[in-house]
Amino acid sequence: MLWGVFSLQGLGPLVPLEGRVIAKQYKFVLSDHLYSMMKHFCNNFFQTLILHT
């Protein structure tokens, strides 16, 4: 099985997963691959949001 992610800013990694994926493995994939992509593409995203209070 393959896990991948994409956004308007670009493509993230394509990660091969073997066998059945349990929650612990999925958390590792998210923390290792999704977080690094978000840091790369969304570095200033939340700093540019206009908050309505």
PDB file of N, CA and C in Angstrom:
ATOM      1  N   MET A   1       0.847  -1.156   0.000  1.00  0.00           N
ATOM      2  CA  MET A   1       0.000   0.000   0.000  1.00  0.00           C
ATOM      3  C   MET A   1       0.904   1.233   0.000  1.00  0.00           C
ATOM      4  N   LEU A   2       0.417   2.308  -0.563  1.00  0.00           N
ATOM      5  CA  LEU A   2       1.152   3.566  -0.581  1.00  0.00           C
ATOM      6  C   LEU A   2       0.359   4.638   0.148  1.00  0.00           C
ATOM      7  N   TRP A   3       1.058   5.499   0.847  1.00  0.00           N
ATOM      8  CA  TRP A   3       0.450   6.655   1.494  1.00  0.00           C
ATOM      9  C   TRP A   3       1.063   7.887   0.862  1.00  0.00           C
ATOM     10  N   GLY A   4       0.234   8.875   0.546  1.00  0.00           N
ATOM     11  CA  GLY A   4       0.727  10.105  -0.043  1.00  0.00           C
ATOM     12  C   GLY A   4      -0.120  11.279   0.383  1.00  0.00           C
ATOM     13  N   VAL A   5       0.389  12.449   0.124  1.00  0.00           N
ATOM     14  CA  VAL A   5      -0.320  13.671   0.496  1.00  0.00           C
ATOM     15  C   VAL A   5      -0.051  14.729  -0.564  1.00  0.00           C
ATOM     16  N   PHE A   6      -1.045  15.590  -0.791  1.00  0.00           N
ATOM     17  CA  PHE A   6      -0.870  16.690  -1.731  1.00  0.00           C
ATOM     18  C   PHE A   6      -1.632  17.900  -1.221  1.00  0.00           C
ATOM     19  N   SER A   7      -1.228  19.067  -1.689  1.00  0.00           N
ATOM     20  CA  SER A   7      -1.908  20.311  -1.337  1.00  0.00           C
ATOM     21  C   SER A   7      -1.784  21.267  -2.512  1.00  0.00           C
ATOM     22  N   LEU A   8      -2.335  22.438  -2.362  1.00  0.00           N
ATOM     23  CA  LEU A   8      -2.206  23.448  -3.412  1.00  0.00           C
ATOM     24  C   LEU A   8      -0.753  23.858  -3.625  1.00  0.00           C
ATOM     25  N   GLN A   9       0.062  23.751  -2.577  1.00  0.00           N
ATOM     26  CA  GLN A   9       1.464  24.150  -2.663  1.00  0.00           C
ATOM     27  C   GLN A   9       2.352  23.087  -3.299  1.00  0.00           C
ATOM     28  N   GLY A  10       1.896  21.856  -3.390  1.00  0.00           N
ATOM     29  CA  GLY A  10       2.726  20.830  -4.010  1.00  0.00           C
ATOM     30  C   GLY A  10       2.440  19.438  -3.484  1.00  0.00           C
ATOM     31  N   LEU A  11       3.284  18.522  -3.904  1.00  0.00           N
ATOM     32  CA  LEU A  11       3.156  17.118  -3.527  1.00  0.00           C
ATOM     33  C   LEU A  11       4.061  16.785  -2.353  1.00  0.00           C
ATOM     34  N   GLY A  12       3.568  15.927  -1.497  1.00  0.00           N
ATOM     35  CA  GLY A  12       4.374  15.412  -0.410  1.00  0.00           C
ATOM     36  C   GLY A  12       4.982  14.086  -0.808  1.00  0.00           C
ATOM     37  N   PRO A  13       5.587  13.404   0.142  1.00  0.00           N
ATOM     38  CA  PRO A  13       6.233  12.132  -0.164  1.00  0.00           C
ATOM     39  C   PRO A  13       5.220  11.028  -0.437  1.00  0.00           C
ATOM     40  N   LEU A  14       5.649  10.045  -1.181  1.00  0.00           N
ATOM     41  CA  LEU A  14       4.880   8.827  -1.406  1.00  0.00           C
ATOM     42  C   LEU A  14       5.558   7.741  -0.580  1.00  0.00           C
ATOM     43  N   VAL A  15       4.885   7.275   0.446  1.00  0.00           N
ATOM     44  CA  VAL A  15       5.483   6.371   1.422  1.00  0.00           C
ATOM     45  C   VAL A  15       4.927   4.961   1.241  1.00  0.00           C
ATOM     46  N   PRO A  16       5.801   3.979   0.956  1.00  0.00           N
ATOM     47  CA  PRO A  16       5.316   2.597   0.849  1.00  0.00           C
ATOM     48  C   PRO A  16       5.048   2.018   2.241  1.00  0.00           C
ATOM     49  N   LEU A  17       3.913   1.364   2.396  1.00  0.00           N
ATOM     50  CA  LEU A  17       3.554   0.716   3.655  1.00  0.00           C
ATOM     51  C   LEU A  17       3.346  -0.764   3.371  1.00  0.00           C
ATOM     52  N   GLU A  18       3.895  -1.603   4.235  1.00  0.00           N
ATOM     53  CA  GLU A  18       3.779  -3.044   4.031  1.00  0.00           C
ATOM     54  C   GLU A  18       2.741  -3.634   4.970  1.00  0.00           C
ATOM     55  N   GLY A  19       1.951  -4.530   4.437  1.00  0.00           N
ATOM     56  CA  GLY A  19       0.976  -5.237   5.259  1.00  0.00           C
ATOM     57  C   GLY A  19      -0.162  -4.352   5.727  1.00  0.00           C
ATOM     58  N   ARG A  20      -0.780  -4.810   6.797  1.00  0.00           N
ATOM     59  CA  ARG A  20      -1.908  -4.090   7.381  1.00  0.00           C
ATOM     60  C   ARG A  20      -1.385  -2.952   8.249  1.00  0.00           C
ATOM     61  N   VAL A  21      -1.977  -1.790   8.114  1.00  0.00           N
ATOM     62  CA  VAL A  21      -1.521  -0.622   8.866  1.00  0.00           C
ATOM     63  C   VAL A  21      -2.418  -0.441  10.088  1.00  0.00           C
ATOM     64  N   ILE A  22      -1.796  -0.441  11.253  1.00  0.00           N
ATOM     65  CA  ILE A  22      -2.538  -0.204  12.491  1.00  0.00           C
ATOM     66  C   ILE A  22      -2.323   1.249  12.915  1.00  0.00           C
ATOM     67  N   ALA A  23      -3.069   1.681  13.898  1.00  0.00           N
ATOM     68  CA  ALA A  23      -3.047   3.085  14.319  1.00  0.00           C
ATOM     69  C   ALA A  23      -1.642   3.562  14.680  1.00  0.00           C
ATOM     70  N   LYS A  24      -0.873   2.736  15.351  1.00  0.00           N
ATOM     71  CA  LYS A  24       0.480   3.121  15.766  1.00  0.00           C
ATOM     72  C   LYS A  24       1.353   3.429  14.549  1.00  0.00           C
ATOM     73  N   GLN A  25       1.274   2.584  13.515  1.00  0.00           N
ATOM     74  CA  GLN A  25       2.048   2.819  12.297  1.00  0.00           C
ATOM     75  C   GLN A  25       1.556   4.076  11.581  1.00  0.00           C
ATOM     76  N   TYR A  26       0.241   4.254  11.531  1.00  0.00           N
ATOM     77  CA  TYR A  26      -0.327   5.409  10.841  1.00  0.00           C
ATOM     78  C   TYR A  26       0.080   6.702  11.540  1.00  0.00           C
ATOM     79  N   LYS A  27       0.110   6.707  12.874  1.00  0.00           N
ATOM     80  CA  LYS A  27       0.566   7.881  13.626  1.00  0.00           C
ATOM     81  C   LYS A  27       2.017   8.203  13.277  1.00  0.00           C
ATOM     82  N   PHE A  28       2.842   7.166  13.132  1.00  0.00           N
ATOM     83  CA  PHE A  28       4.235   7.378  12.762  1.00  0.00           C
ATOM     84  C   PHE A  28       4.339   8.018  11.383  1.00  0.00           C
ATOM     85  N   VAL A  29       3.561   7.512  10.426  1.00  0.00           N
ATOM     86  CA  VAL A  29       3.582   8.073   9.069  1.00  0.00           C
ATOM     87  C   VAL A  29       3.169   9.539   9.110  1.00  0.00           C
ATOM     88  N   LEU A  30       2.105   9.849   9.836  1.00  0.00           N
ATOM     89  CA  LEU A  30       1.647  11.235   9.925  1.00  0.00           C
ATOM     90  C   LEU A  30       2.686  12.124  10.588  1.00  0.00           C
ATOM     91  N   SER A  31       3.221  11.680  11.722  1.00  0.00           N
ATOM     92  CA  SER A  31       4.178  12.524  12.435  1.00  0.00           C
ATOM     93  C   SER A  31       5.481  12.689  11.667  1.00  0.00           C
ATOM     94  N   ASP A  32       5.896  11.657  10.964  1.00  0.00           N
ATOM     95  CA  ASP A  32       7.174  11.722  10.257  1.00  0.00           C
ATOM     96  C   ASP A  32       7.077  12.415   8.902  1.00  0.00           C
ATOM     97  N   HIS A  33       6.006  12.179   8.166  1.00  0.00           N
ATOM     98  CA  HIS A  33       5.936  12.674   6.797  1.00  0.00           C
ATOM     99  C   HIS A  33       4.993  13.866   6.619  1.00  0.00           C
ATOM    100  N   LEU A  34       3.824  13.819   7.222  1.00  0.00           N
ATOM    101  CA  LEU A  34       2.875  14.924   7.065  1.00  0.00           C
ATOM    102  C   LEU A  34       3.377  16.175   7.773  1.00  0.00           C
ATOM    103  N   TYR A  35       3.915  16.012   8.972  1.00  0.00           N
ATOM    104  CA  TYR A  35       4.406  17.152   9.732  1.00  0.00           C
ATOM    105  C   TYR A  35       5.544  17.866   8.999  1.00  0.00           C
ATOM    106  N   SER A  36       6.466  17.110   8.417  1.00  0.00           N
ATOM    107  CA  SER A  36       7.580  17.742   7.700  1.00  0.00           C
ATOM    108  C   SER A  36       7.084  18.476   6.461  1.00  0.00           C
ATOM    109  N   MET A  37       6.077  17.929   5.783  1.00  0.00           N
ATOM    110  CA  MET A  37       5.513  18.620   4.622  1.00  0.00           C
ATOM    111  C   MET A  37       4.817  19.909   5.046  1.00  0.00           C
ATOM    112  N   MET A  38       4.071  19.845   6.143  1.00  0.00           N
ATOM    113  CA  MET A  38       3.377  21.041   6.619  1.00  0.00           C
ATOM    114  C   MET A  38       4.368  22.124   7.026  1.00  0.00           C
ATOM    115  N   LYS A  39       5.467  21.727   7.661  1.00  0.00           N
ATOM    116  CA  LYS A  39       6.491  22.705   8.031  1.00  0.00           C
ATOM    117  C   LYS A  39       7.065  23.366   6.788  1.00  0.00           C
ATOM    118  N   HIS A  40       7.265  22.586   5.736  1.00  0.00           N
ATOM    119  CA  HIS A  40       7.861  23.104   4.507  1.00  0.00           C
ATOM    120  C   HIS A  40       6.909  24.034   3.763  1.00  0.00           C
ATOM    121  N   PHE A  41       5.658  23.632   3.591  1.00  0.00           N
ATOM    122  CA  PHE A  41       4.720  24.395   2.780  1.00  0.00           C
ATOM    123  C   PHE A  41       3.916  25.430   3.558  1.00  0.00           C
ATOM    124  N   CYS A  42       3.676  25.203   4.820  1.00  0.00           N
ATOM    125  CA  CYS A  42       2.784  26.078   5.587  1.00  0.00           C
ATOM    126  C   CYS A  42       3.538  26.882   6.628  1.00  0.00           C
ATOM    127  N   ASN A  43       4.768  27.224   6.350  1.00  0.00           N
ATOM    128  CA  ASN A  43       5.609  27.905   7.320  1.00  0.00           C
ATOM    129  C   ASN A  43       4.972  29.184   7.841  1.00  0.00           C
ATOM    130  N   ASN A  44       4.414  29.995   6.965  1.00  0.00           N
ATOM    131  CA  ASN A  44       3.833  31.268   7.379  1.00  0.00           C
ATOM    132  C   ASN A  44       2.317  31.291   7.241  1.00  0.00           C
ATOM    133  N   PHE A  45       1.690  30.158   7.028  1.00  0.00           N
ATOM    134  CA  PHE A  45       0.255  30.129   6.756  1.00  0.00           C
ATOM    135  C   PHE A  45      -0.557  30.745   7.884  1.00  0.00           C
ATOM    136  N   PHE A  46      -0.321  30.313   9.111  1.00  0.00           N
ATOM    137  CA  PHE A  46      -1.137  30.785  10.218  1.00  0.00           C
ATOM    138  C   PHE A  46      -0.795  32.212  10.625  1.00  0.00           C
ATOM    139  N   GLN A  47       0.347  32.709  10.232  1.00  0.00           N
ATOM    140  CA  GLN A  47       0.703  34.087  10.541  1.00  0.00           C
ATOM    141  C   GLN A  47      -0.022  35.071   9.637  1.00  0.00           C
ATOM    142  N   THR A  48      -0.555  34.614   8.521  1.00  0.00           N
ATOM    143  CA  THR A  48      -1.227  35.515   7.588  1.00  0.00           C
ATOM    144  C   THR A  48      -2.745  35.442   7.683  1.00  0.00           C
ATOM    145  N   LEU A  49      -3.275  34.641   8.594  1.00  0.00           N
ATOM    146  CA  LEU A  49      -4.725  34.544   8.752  1.00  0.00           C
ATOM    147  C   LEU A  49      -5.268  35.801   9.415  1.00  0.00           C
ATOM    148  N   ILE A  50      -6.399  36.254   8.943  1.00  0.00           N
ATOM    149  CA  ILE A  50      -7.079  37.386   9.567  1.00  0.00           C
ATOM    150  C   ILE A  50      -8.156  36.805  10.474  1.00  0.00           C
ATOM    151  N   LEU A  51      -8.028  37.067  11.758  1.00  0.00           N
ATOM    152  CA  LEU A  51      -8.984  36.529  12.722  1.00  0.00           C
ATOM    153  C   LEU A  51     -10.087  37.540  12.968  1.00  0.00           C
ATOM    154  N   HIS A  52     -11.312  37.071  12.966  1.00  0.00           N
ATOM    155  CA  HIS A  52     -12.460  37.924  13.251  1.00  0.00           C
ATOM    156  C   HIS A  52     -12.879  37.689  14.691  1.00  0.00           C
ATOM    157  N   THR A  53     -12.800  38.729  15.497  1.00  0.00           N
ATOM    158  CA  THR A  53     -13.190  38.574  16.909  1.00  0.00           C
ATOM    159  C   THR A  53     -14.374  39.429  17.235  1.00  0.00           C
TER     160      THR A  53
END
